[in-house]
Amino acid sequence: MKKLIFTIVILITSIFAKAQVSQGSILLGGSFQISTSSDGNGPNAEKDKTTELRISPSAGYFLADNIAVGLNAGFFSQNIEAGQNDNESTTTSFNFGPFARYYMPTSGDKFYFMAETGLWFGSARTKNTNPTNTTENKRNSISIYISRIFLFL
């Protein structure tokens, strides 16, 4: 019942919501994902378990009509437990960076092509543990990206 009510609220909200791509508008977005899985072979096998969490907020400002700049951020955490041999692997990463977007309207005000470019600055740590040894790896990264999307606003 809760899922049905939530779905109805989201549908009603999306009907009345209107995205703004005009100068002075604020852009807020992001994503959230959590997942868990397990697998094992046979009735007596110990299961491997994987848990992941991703959070990726973004915020921006429209400097002019159809042109936005802003910041992206991200957090990722993954934990893998291998049941048969007591191995465990944990990865955690943080990243952030600026972006620039251009929205090109097609016919009317509902459909847009969006082009985005930006930078990512990141840091990650992976720790692997087994009954006899523990290793840890750290890395930093810088990347540039370009993407394009077709949107219905």
Protein backbone atom coordinates (compact mmCIF):
# COMPACT_ATOMS: atom_id res chain seq x y z
CA MET A 1 0.00 0.00 0.00
CA LYS A 2 2.84 2.41 0.82
CA LYS A 3 4.41 1.78 -2.59
CA LEU A 4 1.12 2.56 -4.33
CA ILE A 5 0.67 5.84 -2.43
CA PHE A 6 4.29 6.82 -3.12
CA THR A 7 3.85 6.08 -6.84
CA ILE A 8 0.67 8.16 -7.01
CA VAL A 9 2.34 11.11 -5.23
CA ILE A 10 5.30 10.99 -7.65
CA LEU A 11 2.99 10.87 -10.68
CA ILE A 12 0.91 13.82 -9.48
CA THR A 13 4.01 15.83 -8.63
CA SER A 14 5.58 15.16 -12.02
CA ILE A 15 2.41 16.26 -13.83
CA PHE A 16 2.46 19.69 -12.19
CA ALA A 17 6.24 20.19 -12.06
CA LYS A 18 7.80 22.30 -14.81
CA ALA A 19 11.51 22.49 -15.30
CA GLN A 20 12.89 25.97 -15.80
CA VAL A 21 15.81 26.62 -18.12
CA SER A 22 15.67 30.40 -17.98
CA GLN A 23 18.24 32.82 -16.62
CA GLY A 24 18.29 33.00 -12.81
CA SER A 25 16.78 29.56 -12.25
CA ILE A 26 18.39 27.12 -9.84
CA LEU A 27 19.12 23.56 -10.91
CA LEU A 28 18.96 20.78 -8.30
CA GLY A 29 19.31 17.09 -9.04
CA GLY A 30 21.04 13.90 -8.19
CA SER A 31 20.60 10.22 -7.60
CA PHE A 32 20.58 7.72 -4.76
CA GLN A 33 21.08 3.99 -5.05
CA ILE A 34 21.43 1.22 -2.50
CA SER A 35 21.70 -2.44 -3.40
CA THR A 36 22.53 -5.72 -1.79
CA SER A 37 22.96 -9.15 -3.30
CA SER A 38 24.13 -12.59 -2.29
CA ASP A 39 24.89 -15.80 -4.10
CA GLY A 40 26.08 -19.28 -3.26
CA ASN A 41 26.43 -22.61 -5.00
CA GLY A 42 24.56 -25.54 -3.49
CA PRO A 43 22.59 -25.90 -0.26
CA ASN A 44 25.68 -26.02 2.02
CA ALA A 45 27.70 -23.30 0.31
CA GLU A 46 28.37 -20.10 2.20
CA LYS A 47 27.05 -17.09 0.40
CA ASP A 48 29.01 -14.17 -1.00
CA LYS A 49 27.40 -10.84 -0.05
CA THR A 50 27.74 -7.52 -1.85
CA THR A 51 26.39 -4.21 -0.57
CA GLU A 52 26.63 -0.91 -2.49
CA LEU A 53 25.64 2.67 -1.76
CA ARG A 54 25.81 5.56 -4.25
CA ILE A 55 24.85 9.18 -3.60
CA SER A 56 25.33 11.78 -6.35
CA PRO A 57 23.89 15.27 -5.74
CA SER A 58 24.26 18.16 -8.18
CA ALA A 59 23.38 21.85 -8.08
CA GLY A 60 23.66 24.62 -10.62
CA TYR A 61 22.57 28.06 -11.71
CA PHE A 62 21.36 29.28 -15.10
CA LEU A 63 23.66 32.14 -16.12
CA ALA A 64 21.56 32.75 -19.24
CA ASP A 65 18.60 31.09 -20.89
CA ASN A 66 19.50 27.43 -21.58
CA ILE A 67 23.04 27.73 -20.11
CA ALA A 68 23.77 26.36 -16.62
CA VAL A 69 26.92 25.90 -14.57
CA GLY A 70 27.25 24.05 -11.29
CA LEU A 71 28.86 21.37 -9.16
CA ASN A 72 28.50 17.59 -9.07
CA ALA A 73 29.50 15.45 -6.11
CA GLY A 74 29.56 11.74 -5.52
CA PHE A 75 30.02 9.13 -2.83
CA PHE A 76 30.36 5.39 -3.48
CA SER A 77 30.79 2.57 -0.99
CA GLN A 78 31.00 -1.15 -1.76
CA ASN A 79 31.53 -4.05 0.61
CA ILE A 80 32.06 -7.62 -0.64
CA GLU A 81 32.20 -10.54 1.78
CA ALA A 82 33.29 -13.89 0.36
CA GLY A 83 31.67 -16.47 2.62
CA GLN A 84 33.79 -19.53 1.79
CA ASN A 85 37.23 -18.13 2.52
CA ASP A 86 36.52 -15.15 4.82
CA ASN A 87 37.82 -12.61 2.30
CA GLU A 88 36.42 -9.09 2.48
CA SER A 89 36.88 -6.13 0.15
CA THR A 90 35.75 -2.59 0.94
CA THR A 91 35.93 0.30 -1.53
CA THR A 92 35.04 3.89 -0.71
CA SER A 93 35.32 6.84 -3.09
CA PHE A 94 34.49 10.54 -3.09
CA ASN A 95 34.47 12.84 -6.09
CA PHE A 96 33.34 16.31 -7.06
CA GLY A 97 33.69 18.74 -9.92
CA PRO A 98 32.23 21.61 -11.93
CA PHE A 99 29.99 21.21 -14.95
CA ALA A 100 28.55 23.35 -17.75
CA ARG A 101 25.32 22.51 -19.56
CA TYR A 102 23.63 23.80 -22.67
CA TYR A 103 19.96 23.04 -23.32
CA MET A 104 18.87 23.28 -26.95
CA PRO A 105 15.08 23.29 -27.34
CA THR A 106 13.46 21.38 -30.17
CA SER A 107 9.91 22.18 -31.25
CA GLY A 108 7.97 23.64 -28.32
CA ASP A 109 9.13 23.88 -24.72
CA LYS A 110 8.96 20.20 -23.77
CA PHE A 111 11.82 18.48 -25.61
CA TYR A 112 15.48 19.48 -25.32
CA PHE A 113 18.86 18.22 -26.37
CA MET A 114 21.33 18.76 -23.54
CA ALA A 115 25.09 18.83 -23.87
CA GLU A 116 27.25 18.74 -20.73
CA THR A 117 30.94 18.90 -20.05
CA GLY A 118 32.80 18.87 -16.77
CA LEU A 119 35.67 17.74 -14.61
CA TRP A 120 35.79 15.10 -11.88
CA PHE A 121 38.31 15.18 -9.05
CA GLY A 122 38.25 11.99 -7.03
CA SER A 123 39.82 9.94 -4.30
CA ALA A 124 39.28 6.24 -3.59
CA ARG A 125 40.45 3.64 -1.10
CA THR A 126 40.20 -0.13 -1.39
CA LYS A 127 40.94 -2.44 1.53
CA ASN A 128 41.21 -6.20 1.00
CA THR A 129 41.24 -8.50 4.01
CA ASN A 130 41.69 -12.26 4.25
CA PRO A 131 42.56 -14.46 7.25
CA THR A 132 46.32 -13.99 6.76
CA ASN A 133 46.78 -10.58 5.14
CA THR A 134 45.36 -7.08 4.73
CA THR A 135 46.20 -4.76 1.83
CA GLU A 136 45.12 -1.20 1.19
CA ASN A 137 45.27 0.81 -2.03
CA LYS A 138 44.63 4.55 -2.35
CA ARG A 139 44.28 6.48 -5.58
CA ASN A 140 43.42 9.97 -6.77
CA SER A 141 42.03 10.85 -10.16
CA ILE A 142 41.14 13.73 -12.45
CA SER A 143 38.91 13.19 -15.45
CA ILE A 144 37.08 15.24 -18.05
CA TYR A 145 33.81 14.20 -19.63
CA ILE A 146 31.40 15.24 -22.36
CA SER A 147 27.85 13.90 -22.56
CA ARG A 148 24.67 14.53 -24.48
CA ILE A 149 21.11 13.66 -23.55
CA PHE A 150 17.63 14.04 -25.04
CA LEU A 151 15.23 15.35 -22.38
CA PHE A 152 11.51 15.75 -21.86
CA LEU A 153 10.92 18.62 -19.41
